Amino acid sequence: EQELERLEARHFCPERVLSQLFKEEMRHEAQAQRN
């Protein structure tokens, strides 16, 4: 199981990165609309 943890930590997930970028963009847009 320790090897699984090491391999999971090295995984670069493009879906997760895109999801995080989308959430960040939505947060910036919502903040801009409030100002």
Full PDB file with SEQRES, HELIX, SHEET, SSBOND, CRYST1, ORIGX, SCALE, CONECT and MASTER records, all heavy atoms in Angstrom:
SEQRES   1 A   35  GLU GLN GLU LEU GLU ARG LEU GLU ALA ARG HIS PHE CYS          
SEQRES   2 A   35  PRO GLU ARG VAL LEU SER GLN LEU PHE LYS GLU GLU MET          
SEQRES   3 A   35  ARG HIS GLU ALA GLN ALA GLN ARG ASN                          
HELIX    1 AA1 GLN A    2  ARG A   10  1                                   9    
HELIX    2 AA2 PRO A   14  ARG A   34  1                                  21    
CRYST1    1.000    1.000    1.000  90.00  90.00  90.00 P 1           1          
ORIGX1      1.000000  0.000000  0.000000        0.00000                         
ORIGX2      0.000000  1.000000  0.000000        0.00000                         
ORIGX3      0.000000  0.000000  1.000000        0.00000                         
SCALE1      1.000000  0.000000  0.000000        0.00000                         
SCALE2      0.000000  1.000000  0.000000        0.00000                         
SCALE3      0.000000  0.000000  1.000000        0.00000                         
ATOM      1  N   GLU A   1       0.820  -1.211   0.000  1.00  0.00           N  
ATOM      2  CA  GLU A   1       0.000   0.000   0.000  1.00  0.00           C  
ATOM      3  C   GLU A   1       0.856   1.263   0.000  1.00  0.00           C  
ATOM      4  O   GLU A   1       0.450   2.287  -0.544  1.00  0.00           O  
ATOM      5  CB  GLU A   1      -0.943  -0.001   1.197  1.00  0.00           C  
ATOM      6  CG  GLU A   1      -2.089  -0.991   1.040  1.00  0.00           C  
ATOM      7  CD  GLU A   1      -3.147  -0.798   2.101  1.00  0.00           C  
ATOM      8  OE1 GLU A   1      -3.843   0.235   2.063  1.00  0.00           O  
ATOM      9  OE2 GLU A   1      -3.268  -1.697   2.953  1.00  0.00           O  
ATOM     10  N   GLN A   2       2.040   1.214   0.601  1.00  0.00           N  
ATOM     11  CA  GLN A   2       2.937   2.368   0.601  1.00  0.00           C  
ATOM     12  C   GLN A   2       3.353   2.726  -0.827  1.00  0.00           C  
ATOM     13  O   GLN A   2       3.495   3.900  -1.168  1.00  0.00           O  
ATOM     14  CB  GLN A   2       4.193   2.095   1.446  1.00  0.00           C  
ATOM     15  CG  GLN A   2       3.928   1.927   2.910  1.00  0.00           C  
ATOM     16  CD  GLN A   2       3.443   0.516   3.265  1.00  0.00           C  
ATOM     17  OE1 GLN A   2       3.467  -0.390   2.440  1.00  0.00           O  
ATOM     18  NE2 GLN A   2       2.996   0.339   4.483  1.00  0.00           N  
ATOM     19  N   GLU A   3       3.515   1.726  -1.660  1.00  0.00           N  
ATOM     20  CA  GLU A   3       3.850   1.969  -3.070  1.00  0.00           C  
ATOM     21  C   GLU A   3       2.677   2.639  -3.779  1.00  0.00           C  
ATOM     22  O   GLU A   3       2.871   3.513  -4.625  1.00  0.00           O  
ATOM     23  CB  GLU A   3       4.219   0.650  -3.752  1.00  0.00           C  
ATOM     24  CG  GLU A   3       4.594   0.786  -5.201  1.00  0.00           C  
ATOM     25  CD  GLU A   3       5.919   1.502  -5.441  1.00  0.00           C  
ATOM     26  OE1 GLU A   3       6.651   1.776  -4.473  1.00  0.00           O  
ATOM     27  OE2 GLU A   3       6.220   1.786  -6.604  1.00  0.00           O  
ATOM     28  N   LEU A   4       1.453   2.257  -3.436  1.00  0.00           N  
ATOM     29  CA  LEU A   4       0.275   2.904  -4.022  1.00  0.00           C  
ATOM     30  C   LEU A   4       0.266   4.385  -3.683  1.00  0.00           C  
ATOM     31  O   LEU A   4      -0.015   5.223  -4.544  1.00  0.00           O  
ATOM     32  CB  LEU A   4      -1.010   2.264  -3.489  1.00  0.00           C  
ATOM     33  CG  LEU A   4      -1.383   0.893  -4.008  1.00  0.00           C  
ATOM     34  CD1 LEU A   4      -2.648   0.412  -3.306  1.00  0.00           C  
ATOM     35  CD2 LEU A   4      -1.562   0.883  -5.499  1.00  0.00           C  
ATOM     36  N   GLU A   5       0.560   4.711  -2.436  1.00  0.00           N  
ATOM     37  CA  GLU A   5       0.584   6.116  -2.022  1.00  0.00           C  
ATOM     38  C   GLU A   5       1.614   6.902  -2.810  1.00  0.00           C  
ATOM     39  O   GLU A   5       1.359   8.032  -3.229  1.00  0.00           O  
ATOM     40  CB  GLU A   5       0.866   6.210  -0.525  1.00  0.00           C  
ATOM     41  CG  GLU A   5      -0.260   5.667   0.328  1.00  0.00           C  
ATOM     42  CD  GLU A   5       0.092   5.542   1.792  1.00  0.00           C  
ATOM     43  OE1 GLU A   5       1.181   6.009   2.203  1.00  0.00           O  
ATOM     44  OE2 GLU A   5      -0.727   4.971   2.534  1.00  0.00           O  
ATOM     45  N   ARG A   6       2.767   6.308  -3.030  1.00  0.00           N  
ATOM     46  CA  ARG A   6       3.820   6.981  -3.792  1.00  0.00           C  
ATOM     47  C   ARG A   6       3.377   7.202  -5.235  1.00  0.00           C  
ATOM     48  O   ARG A   6       3.542   8.289  -5.796  1.00  0.00           O  
ATOM     49  CB  ARG A   6       5.106   6.154  -3.762  1.00  0.00           C  
ATOM     50  CG  ARG A   6       6.305   6.840  -4.402  1.00  0.00           C  
ATOM     51  CD  ARG A   6       7.535   5.955  -4.392  1.00  0.00           C  
ATOM     52  NE  ARG A   6       7.405   4.828  -5.301  1.00  0.00           N  
ATOM     53  CZ  ARG A   6       7.560   4.902  -6.629  1.00  0.00           C  
ATOM     54  NH1 ARG A   6       7.834   6.055  -7.200  1.00  0.00           N  
ATOM     55  NH2 ARG A   6       7.437   3.837  -7.386  1.00  0.00           N  
ATOM     56  N   LEU A   7       2.777   6.200  -5.841  1.00  0.00           N  
ATOM     57  CA  LEU A   7       2.336   6.310  -7.228  1.00  0.00           C  
ATOM     58  C   LEU A   7       1.177   7.295  -7.373  1.00  0.00           C  
ATOM     59  O   LEU A   7       1.123   8.065  -8.337  1.00  0.00           O  
ATOM     60  CB  LEU A   7       1.948   4.930  -7.761  1.00  0.00           C  
ATOM     61  CG  LEU A   7       3.100   3.947  -7.907  1.00  0.00           C  
ATOM     62  CD1 LEU A   7       2.581   2.530  -8.112  1.00  0.00           C  
ATOM     63  CD2 LEU A   7       4.014   4.359  -9.051  1.00  0.00           C  
ATOM     64  N   GLU A   8       0.262   7.289  -6.431  1.00  0.00           N  
ATOM     65  CA  GLU A   8      -0.847   8.242  -6.476  1.00  0.00           C  
ATOM     66  C   GLU A   8      -0.343   9.673  -6.335  1.00  0.00           C  
ATOM     67  O   GLU A   8      -0.834  10.577  -7.016  1.00  0.00           O  
ATOM     68  CB  GLU A   8      -1.853   7.924  -5.370  1.00  0.00           C  
ATOM     69  CG  GLU A   8      -2.621   6.647  -5.620  1.00  0.00           C  
ATOM     70  CD  GLU A   8      -3.411   6.183  -4.416  1.00  0.00           C  
ATOM     71  OE1 GLU A   8      -3.204   6.711  -3.297  1.00  0.00           O  
ATOM     72  OE2 GLU A   8      -4.223   5.271  -4.584  1.00  0.00           O  
ATOM     73  N   ALA A   9       0.644   9.885  -5.486  1.00  0.00           N  
ATOM     74  CA  ALA A   9       1.201  11.226  -5.289  1.00  0.00           C  
ATOM     75  C   ALA A   9       1.870  11.749  -6.553  1.00  0.00           C  
ATOM     76  O   ALA A   9       1.907  12.965  -6.787  1.00  0.00           O  
ATOM     77  CB  ALA A   9       2.196  11.216  -4.131  1.00  0.00           C  
ATOM     78  N   ARG A  10       2.370  10.866  -7.378  1.00  0.00           N  
ATOM     79  CA  ARG A  10       3.051  11.273  -8.616  1.00  0.00           C  
ATOM     80  C   ARG A  10       2.091  11.478  -9.783  1.00  0.00           C  
ATOM     81  O   ARG A  10       2.480  11.992 -10.831  1.00  0.00           O  
ATOM     82  CB  ARG A  10       4.080  10.213  -9.012  1.00  0.00           C  
ATOM     83  CG  ARG A  10       5.255  10.145  -8.058  1.00  0.00           C  
ATOM     84  CD  ARG A  10       6.244   9.088  -8.443  1.00  0.00           C  
ATOM     85  NE  ARG A  10       6.576   9.167  -9.861  1.00  0.00           N  
ATOM     86  CZ  ARG A  10       7.110   8.179 -10.564  1.00  0.00           C  
ATOM     87  NH1 ARG A  10       7.382   7.033  -9.989  1.00  0.00           N  
ATOM     88  NH2 ARG A  10       7.394   8.320 -11.844  1.00  0.00           N  
ATOM     89  N   HIS A  11       0.835  11.085  -9.618  1.00  0.00           N  
ATOM     90  CA  HIS A  11      -0.144  11.182 -10.714  1.00  0.00           C  
ATOM     91  C   HIS A  11      -0.483  12.639 -10.999  1.00  0.00           C  
ATOM     92  O   HIS A  11      -0.877  13.392 -10.116  1.00  0.00           O  
ATOM     93  CB  HIS A  11      -1.404  10.406 -10.360  1.00  0.00           C  
ATOM     94  CG  HIS A  11      -2.529  10.589 -11.333  1.00  0.00           C  
ATOM     95  ND1 HIS A  11      -2.423  10.235 -12.656  1.00  0.00           N  
ATOM     96  CD2 HIS A  11      -3.763  11.096 -11.168  1.00  0.00           C  
ATOM     97  CE1 HIS A  11      -3.563  10.513 -13.272  1.00  0.00           C  
ATOM     98  NE2 HIS A  11      -4.390  11.035 -12.389  1.00  0.00           N  
ATOM     99  N   PHE A  12      -0.338  13.036 -12.253  1.00  0.00           N  
ATOM    100  CA  PHE A  12      -0.743  14.367 -12.710  1.00  0.00           C  
ATOM    101  C   PHE A  12      -2.064  14.193 -13.438  1.00  0.00           C  
ATOM    102  O   PHE A  12      -2.114  13.593 -14.514  1.00  0.00           O  
ATOM    103  CB  PHE A  12       0.316  14.979 -13.636  1.00  0.00           C  
ATOM    104  CG  PHE A  12      -0.118  16.293 -14.200  1.00  0.00           C  
ATOM    105  CD1 PHE A  12      -0.058  17.441 -13.434  1.00  0.00           C  
ATOM    106  CD2 PHE A  12      -0.608  16.370 -15.485  1.00  0.00           C  
ATOM    107  CE1 PHE A  12      -0.479  18.654 -13.952  1.00  0.00           C  
ATOM    108  CE2 PHE A  12      -1.021  17.581 -16.013  1.00  0.00           C  
ATOM    109  CZ  PHE A  12      -0.956  18.723 -15.243  1.00  0.00           C  
ATOM    110  N   CYS A  13      -3.127  14.677 -12.859  1.00  0.00           N  
ATOM    111  CA  CYS A  13      -4.466  14.484 -13.407  1.00  0.00           C  
ATOM    112  C   CYS A  13      -4.911  15.732 -14.165  1.00  0.00           C  
ATOM    113  O   CYS A  13      -5.194  16.769 -13.553  1.00  0.00           O  
ATOM    114  CB  CYS A  13      -5.449  14.176 -12.284  1.00  0.00           C  
ATOM    115  SG  CYS A  13      -7.128  13.941 -12.892  1.00  0.00           S  
ATOM    116  N   PRO A  14      -5.019  15.659 -15.482  1.00  0.00           N  
ATOM    117  CA  PRO A  14      -5.444  16.834 -16.252  1.00  0.00           C  
ATOM    118  C   PRO A  14      -6.881  17.235 -15.936  1.00  0.00           C  
ATOM    119  O   PRO A  14      -7.206  18.422 -15.939  1.00  0.00           O  
ATOM    120  CB  PRO A  14      -5.287  16.398 -17.707  1.00  0.00           C  
ATOM    121  CG  PRO A  14      -5.255  14.906 -17.679  1.00  0.00           C  
ATOM    122  CD  PRO A  14      -4.723  14.520 -16.339  1.00  0.00           C  
ATOM    123  N   GLU A  15      -7.736  16.288 -15.631  1.00  0.00           N  
ATOM    124  CA  GLU A  15      -9.126  16.610 -15.297  1.00  0.00           C  
ATOM    125  C   GLU A  15      -9.206  17.429 -14.012  1.00  0.00           C  
ATOM    126  O   GLU A  15      -9.977  18.379 -13.909  1.00  0.00           O  
ATOM    127  CB  GLU A  15      -9.951  15.329 -15.151  1.00  0.00           C  
ATOM    128  CG  GLU A  15     -10.089  14.550 -16.429  1.00  0.00           C  
ATOM    129  CD  GLU A  15     -10.899  15.280 -17.476  1.00  0.00           C  
ATOM    130  OE1 GLU A  15     -11.831  16.022 -17.121  1.00  0.00           O  
ATOM    131  OE2 GLU A  15     -10.596  15.103 -18.673  1.00  0.00           O  
ATOM    132  N   ARG A  16      -8.411  17.077 -13.026  1.00  0.00           N  
ATOM    133  CA  ARG A  16      -8.409  17.793 -11.754  1.00  0.00           C  
ATOM    134  C   ARG A  16      -7.885  19.213 -11.946  1.00  0.00           C  
ATOM    135  O   ARG A  16      -8.434  20.163 -11.398  1.00  0.00           O  
ATOM    136  CB  ARG A  16      -7.564  17.053 -10.717  1.00  0.00           C  
ATOM    137  CG  ARG A  16      -7.684  17.656  -9.332  1.00  0.00           C  
ATOM    138  CD  ARG A  16      -6.887  16.891  -8.289  1.00  0.00           C  
ATOM    139  NE  ARG A  16      -7.254  15.490  -8.285  1.00  0.00           N  
ATOM    140  CZ  ARG A  16      -6.392  14.493  -8.121  1.00  0.00           C  
ATOM    141  NH1 ARG A  16      -5.115  14.740  -7.926  1.00  0.00           N  
ATOM    142  NH2 ARG A  16      -6.794  13.252  -8.122  1.00  0.00           N  
ATOM    143  N   VAL A  17      -6.839  19.355 -12.754  1.00  0.00           N  
ATOM    144  CA  VAL A  17      -6.270  20.681 -13.017  1.00  0.00           C  
ATOM    145  C   VAL A  17      -7.292  21.565 -13.729  1.00  0.00           C  
ATOM    146  O   VAL A  17      -7.495  22.723 -13.352  1.00  0.00           O  
ATOM    147  CB  VAL A  17      -4.971  20.564 -13.840  1.00  0.00           C  
ATOM    148  CG1 VAL A  17      -4.489  21.927 -14.293  1.00  0.00           C  
ATOM    149  CG2 VAL A  17      -3.895  19.863 -13.035  1.00  0.00           C  
ATOM    150  N   LEU A  18      -7.965  21.028 -14.737  1.00  0.00           N  
ATOM    151  CA  LEU A  18      -8.977  21.808 -15.453  1.00  0.00           C  
ATOM    152  C   LEU A  18     -10.129  22.192 -14.536  1.00  0.00           C  
ATOM    153  O   LEU A  18     -10.629  23.321 -14.594  1.00  0.00           O  
ATOM    154  CB  LEU A  18      -9.506  21.010 -16.651  1.00  0.00           C  
ATOM    155  CG  LEU A  18      -8.560  20.882 -17.828  1.00  0.00           C  
ATOM    156  CD1 LEU A  18      -9.149  19.952 -18.879  1.00  0.00           C  
ATOM    157  CD2 LEU A  18      -8.270  22.242 -18.433  1.00  0.00           C  
ATOM    158  N   SER A  19     -10.540  21.292 -13.685  1.00  0.00           N  
ATOM    159  CA  SER A  19     -11.610  21.581 -12.746  1.00  0.00           C  
ATOM    160  C   SER A  19     -11.215  22.701 -11.797  1.00  0.00           C  
ATOM    161  O   SER A  19     -12.008  23.615 -11.528  1.00  0.00           O  
ATOM    162  CB  SER A  19     -11.956  20.313 -11.962  1.00  0.00           C  
ATOM    163  OG  SER A  19     -12.913  20.593 -10.984  1.00  0.00           O  
ATOM    164  N   GLN A  20      -9.989  22.666 -11.290  1.00  0.00           N  
ATOM    165  CA  GLN A  20      -9.516  23.711 -10.391  1.00  0.00           C  
ATOM    166  C   GLN A  20      -9.435  25.057 -11.099  1.00  0.00           C  
ATOM    167  O   GLN A  20      -9.810  26.086 -10.529  1.00  0.00           O  
ATOM    168  CB  GLN A  20      -8.162  23.327  -9.793  1.00  0.00           C  
ATOM    169  CG  GLN A  20      -8.248  22.181  -8.819  1.00  0.00           C  
ATOM    170  CD  GLN A  20      -6.889  21.655  -8.400  1.00  0.00           C  
ATOM    171  OE1 GLN A  20      -5.871  21.948  -9.016  1.00  0.00           O  
ATOM    172  NE2 GLN A  20      -6.882  20.852  -7.351  1.00  0.00           N  
ATOM    173  N   LEU A  21      -8.962  25.065 -12.338  1.00  0.00           N  
ATOM    174  CA  LEU A  21      -8.891  26.316 -13.100  1.00  0.00           C  
ATOM    175  C   LEU A  21     -10.279  26.889 -13.348  1.00  0.00           C  
ATOM    176  O   LEU A  21     -10.500  28.104 -13.241  1.00  0.00           O  
ATOM    177  CB  LEU A  21      -8.172  26.082 -14.436  1.00  0.00           C  
ATOM    178  CG  LEU A  21      -6.673  25.885 -14.368  1.00  0.00           C  
ATOM    179  CD1 LEU A  21      -6.131  25.482 -15.737  1.00  0.00           C  
ATOM    180  CD2 LEU A  21      -5.984  27.137 -13.868  1.00  0.00           C  
ATOM    181  N   PHE A  22     -11.227  26.030 -13.677  1.00  0.00           N  
ATOM    182  CA  PHE A  22     -12.593  26.473 -13.924  1.00  0.00           C  
ATOM    183  C   PHE A  22     -13.196  27.082 -12.661  1.00  0.00           C  
ATOM    184  O   PHE A  22     -13.822  28.146 -12.700  1.00  0.00           O  
ATOM    185  CB  PHE A  22     -13.443  25.298 -14.412  1.00  0.00           C  
ATOM    186  CG  PHE A  22     -14.861  25.671 -14.697  1.00  0.00           C  
ATOM    187  CD1 PHE A  22     -15.186  26.432 -15.812  1.00  0.00           C  
ATOM    188  CD2 PHE A  22     -15.873  25.256 -13.852  1.00  0.00           C  
ATOM    189  CE1 PHE A  22     -16.499  26.781 -16.075  1.00  0.00           C  
ATOM    190  CE2 PHE A  22     -17.185  25.601 -14.098  1.00  0.00           C  
ATOM    191  CZ  PHE A  22     -17.505  26.361 -15.213  1.00  0.00           C  
ATOM    192  N   LYS A  23     -13.000  26.439 -11.509  1.00  0.00           N  
ATOM    193  CA  LYS A  23     -13.525  26.958 -10.254  1.00  0.00           C  
ATOM    194  C   LYS A  23     -12.900  28.307  -9.916  1.00  0.00           C  
ATOM    195  O   LYS A  23     -13.581  29.225  -9.463  1.00  0.00           O  
ATOM    196  CB  LYS A  23     -13.268  25.971  -9.121  1.00  0.00           C  
ATOM    197  CG  LYS A  23     -14.143  24.747  -9.189  1.00  0.00           C  
ATOM    198  CD  LYS A  23     -13.782  23.767  -8.099  1.00  0.00           C  
ATOM    199  CE  LYS A  23     -14.537  22.461  -8.265  1.00  0.00           C  
ATOM    200  NZ  LYS A  23     -14.118  21.461  -7.262  1.00  0.00           N  
ATOM    201  N   GLU A  24     -11.600  28.423 -10.166  1.00  0.00           N  
ATOM    202  CA  GLU A  24     -10.901  29.684  -9.906  1.00  0.00           C  
ATOM    203  C   GLU A  24     -11.448  30.789 -10.806  1.00  0.00           C  
ATOM    204  O   GLU A  24     -11.680  31.922 -10.348  1.00  0.00           O  
ATOM    205  CB  GLU A  24      -9.400  29.498 -10.130  1.00  0.00           C  
ATOM    206  CG  GLU A  24      -8.565  30.696  -9.784  1.00  0.00           C  
ATOM    207  CD  GLU A  24      -8.477  30.959  -8.293  1.00  0.00           C  
ATOM    208  OE1 GLU A  24      -8.703  30.043  -7.496  1.00  0.00           O  
ATOM    209  OE2 GLU A  24      -8.183  32.121  -7.941  1.00  0.00           O  
ATOM    210  N   GLU A  25     -11.677  30.491 -12.059  1.00  0.00           N  
ATOM    211  CA  GLU A  25     -12.217  31.481 -12.995  1.00  0.00           C  
ATOM    212  C   GLU A  25     -13.617  31.908 -12.575  1.00  0.00           C  
ATOM    213  O   GLU A  25     -13.947  33.095 -12.607  1.00  0.00           O  
ATOM    214  CB  GLU A  25     -12.251  30.906 -14.410  1.00  0.00           C  
ATOM    215  CG  GLU A  25     -12.746  31.900 -15.438  1.00  0.00           C  
ATOM    216  CD  GLU A  25     -12.733  31.325 -16.837  1.00  0.00           C  
ATOM    217  OE1 GLU A  25     -11.817  30.547 -17.164  1.00  0.00           O  
ATOM    218  OE2 GLU A  25     -13.651  31.659 -17.608  1.00  0.00           O  
ATOM    219  N   MET A  26     -14.433  30.956 -12.180  1.00  0.00           N  
ATOM    220  CA  MET A  26     -15.790  31.283 -11.738  1.00  0.00           C  
ATOM    221  C   MET A  26     -15.760  32.164 -10.492  1.00  0.00           C  
ATOM    222  O   MET A  26     -16.563  33.096 -10.371  1.00  0.00           O  
ATOM    223  CB  MET A  26     -16.581  30.000 -11.453  1.00  0.00           C  
ATOM    224  CG  MET A  26     -16.824  29.149 -12.687  1.00  0.00           C  
ATOM    225  SD  MET A  26     -17.807  29.989 -13.937  1.00  0.00           S  
ATOM    226  CE  MET A  26     -19.393  29.934 -13.144  1.00  0.00           C  
ATOM    227  N   ARG A  27     -14.833  31.906  -9.588  1.00  0.00           N  
ATOM    228  CA  ARG A  27     -14.719  32.717  -8.381  1.00  0.00           C  
ATOM    229  C   ARG A  27     -14.312  34.143  -8.725  1.00  0.00           C  
ATOM    230  O   ARG A  27     -14.849  35.115  -8.186  1.00  0.00           O  
ATOM    231  CB  ARG A  27     -13.726  32.076  -7.412  1.00  0.00           C  
ATOM    232  CG  ARG A  27     -13.758  32.745  -6.052  1.00  0.00           C  
ATOM    233  CD  ARG A  27     -12.968  32.019  -5.009  1.00  0.00           C  
ATOM    234  NE  ARG A  27     -11.542  32.172  -5.310  1.00  0.00           N  
ATOM    235  CZ  ARG A  27     -10.650  31.201  -5.188  1.00  0.00           C  
ATOM    236  NH1 ARG A  27     -11.019  30.011  -4.788  1.00  0.00           N  
ATOM    237  NH2 ARG A  27      -9.389  31.414  -5.467  1.00  0.00           N  
ATOM    238  N   HIS A  28     -13.373  34.292  -9.673  1.00  0.00           N  
ATOM    239  CA  HIS A  28     -12.944  35.628 -10.097  1.00  0.00           C  
ATOM    240  C   HIS A  28     -14.076  36.380 -10.777  1.00  0.00           C  
ATOM    241  O   HIS A  28     -14.259  37.585 -10.550  1.00  0.00           O  
ATOM    242  CB  HIS A  28     -11.742  35.541 -11.038  1.00  0.00           C  
ATOM    243  CG  HIS A  28     -10.459  35.233 -10.338  1.00  0.00           C  
ATOM    244  ND1 HIS A  28      -9.872  36.077  -9.435  1.00  0.00           N  
ATOM    245  CD2 HIS A  28      -9.647  34.142 -10.428  1.00  0.00           C  
ATOM    246  CE1 HIS A  28      -8.760  35.542  -8.978  1.00  0.00           C  
ATOM    247  NE2 HIS A  28      -8.605  34.366  -9.556  1.00  0.00           N  
ATOM    248  N   GLU A  29     -14.849  35.699 -11.599  1.00  0.00           N  
ATOM    249  CA  GLU A  29     -15.991  36.343 -12.270  1.00  0.00           C  
ATOM    250  C   GLU A  29     -17.046  36.792 -11.264  1.00  0.00           C  
ATOM    251  O   GLU A  29     -17.589  37.885 -11.376  1.00  0.00           O  
ATOM    252  CB  GLU A  29     -16.589  35.401 -13.306  1.00  0.00           C  
ATOM    253  CG  GLU A  29     -15.743  35.226 -14.545  1.00  0.00           C  
ATOM    254  CD  GLU A  29     -16.370  34.280 -15.545  1.00  0.00           C  
ATOM    255  OE1 GLU A  29     -17.562  33.902 -15.384  1.00  0.00           O  
ATOM    256  OE2 GLU A  29     -15.661  33.899 -16.488  1.00  0.00           O  
ATOM    257  N   ALA A  30     -17.319  35.965 -10.288  1.00  0.00           N  
ATOM    258  CA  ALA A  30     -18.309  36.316  -9.262  1.00  0.00           C  
ATOM    259  C   ALA A  30     -17.819  37.515  -8.449  1.00  0.00           C  
ATOM    260  O   ALA A  30     -18.603  38.423  -8.137  1.00  0.00           O  
ATOM    261  CB  ALA A  30     -18.560  35.127  -8.348  1.00  0.00           C  
ATOM    262  N   GLN A  31     -16.545  37.554  -8.159  1.00  0.00           N  
ATOM    263  CA  GLN A  31     -15.979  38.667  -7.411  1.00  0.00           C  
ATOM    264  C   GLN A  31     -16.027  39.957  -8.233  1.00  0.00           C  
ATOM    265  O   GLN A  31     -16.336  41.034  -7.724  1.00  0.00           O  
ATOM    266  CB  GLN A  31     -14.543  38.353  -7.005  1.00  0.00           C  
ATOM    267  CG  GLN A  31     -13.931  39.345  -6.059  1.00  0.00           C  
ATOM    268  CD  GLN A  31     -12.545  38.913  -5.625  1.00  0.00           C  
ATOM    269  OE1 GLN A  31     -11.867  38.161  -6.311  1.00  0.00           O  
ATOM    270  NE2 GLN A  31     -12.124  39.396  -4.472  1.00  0.00           N  
ATOM    271  N   ALA A  32     -15.749  39.859  -9.540  1.00  0.00           N  
ATOM    272  CA  ALA A  32     -15.782  41.035 -10.416  1.00  0.00           C  
ATOM    273  C   ALA A  32     -17.197  41.583 -10.533  1.00  0.00           C  
ATOM    274  O   ALA A  32     -17.399  42.805 -10.603  1.00  0.00           O  
ATOM    275  CB  ALA A  32     -15.239  40.683 -11.791  1.00  0.00           C  
ATOM    276  N   GLN A  33     -18.199  40.726 -10.538  1.00  0.00           N  
ATOM    277  CA  GLN A  33     -19.585  41.179 -10.633  1.00  0.00           C  
ATOM    278  C   GLN A  33     -20.047  41.892  -9.368  1.00  0.00           C  
ATOM    279  O   GLN A  33     -20.880  42.782  -9.421  1.00  0.00           O  
ATOM    280  CB  GLN A  33     -20.505  39.988 -10.919  1.00  0.00           C  
ATOM    281  CG  GLN A  33     -20.372  39.451 -12.314  1.00  0.00           C  
ATOM    282  CD  GLN A  33     -21.254  38.243 -12.553  1.00  0.00           C  
ATOM    283  OE1 GLN A  33     -21.923  37.755 -11.650  1.00  0.00           O  
ATOM    284  NE2 GLN A  33     -21.229  37.736 -13.779  1.00  0.00           N  
ATOM    285  N   ARG A  34     -19.473  41.520  -8.224  1.00  0.00           N  
ATOM    286  CA  ARG A  34     -19.833  42.178  -6.962  1.00  0.00           C  
ATOM    287  C   ARG A  34     -19.218  43.571  -6.878  1.00  0.00           C  
ATOM    288  O   ARG A  34     -19.728  44.429  -6.164  1.00  0.00           O  
ATOM    289  CB  ARG A  34     -19.376  41.345  -5.778  1.00  0.00           C  
ATOM    290  CG  ARG A  34     -20.258  40.137  -5.536  1.00  0.00           C  
ATOM    291  CD  ARG A  34     -19.786  39.424  -4.325  1.00  0.00           C  
ATOM    292  NE  ARG A  34     -18.541  38.781  -4.716  1.00  0.00           N  
ATOM    293  CZ  ARG A  34     -18.035  37.706  -4.143  1.00  0.00           C  
ATOM    294  NH1 ARG A  34     -18.628  37.173  -3.125  1.00  0.00           N  
ATOM    295  NH2 ARG A  34     -16.919  37.172  -4.580  1.00  0.00           N  
ATOM    296  N   ASN A  35     -18.110  43.788  -7.567  1.00  0.00           N  
ATOM    297  CA  ASN A  35     -17.421  45.083  -7.480  1.00  0.00           C  
ATOM    298  C   ASN A  35     -17.966  46.062  -8.444  1.00  0.00           C  
ATOM    299  O   ASN A  35     -18.511  46.336  -9.215  1.00  0.00           O  
ATOM    300  CB  ASN A  35     -15.927  44.933  -7.703  1.00  0.00           C  
ATOM    301  CG  ASN A  35     -15.298  44.129  -6.573  1.00  0.00           C  
ATOM    302  OD1 ASN A  35     -15.817  44.129  -5.468  1.00  0.00           O  
ATOM    303  ND2 ASN A  35     -14.210  43.465  -6.858  1.00  0.00           N  
TER     304      ASN A  35                                                      
MASTER        0    0    0    2    0    0    0    6  303    1    0    3          
END                                                                             
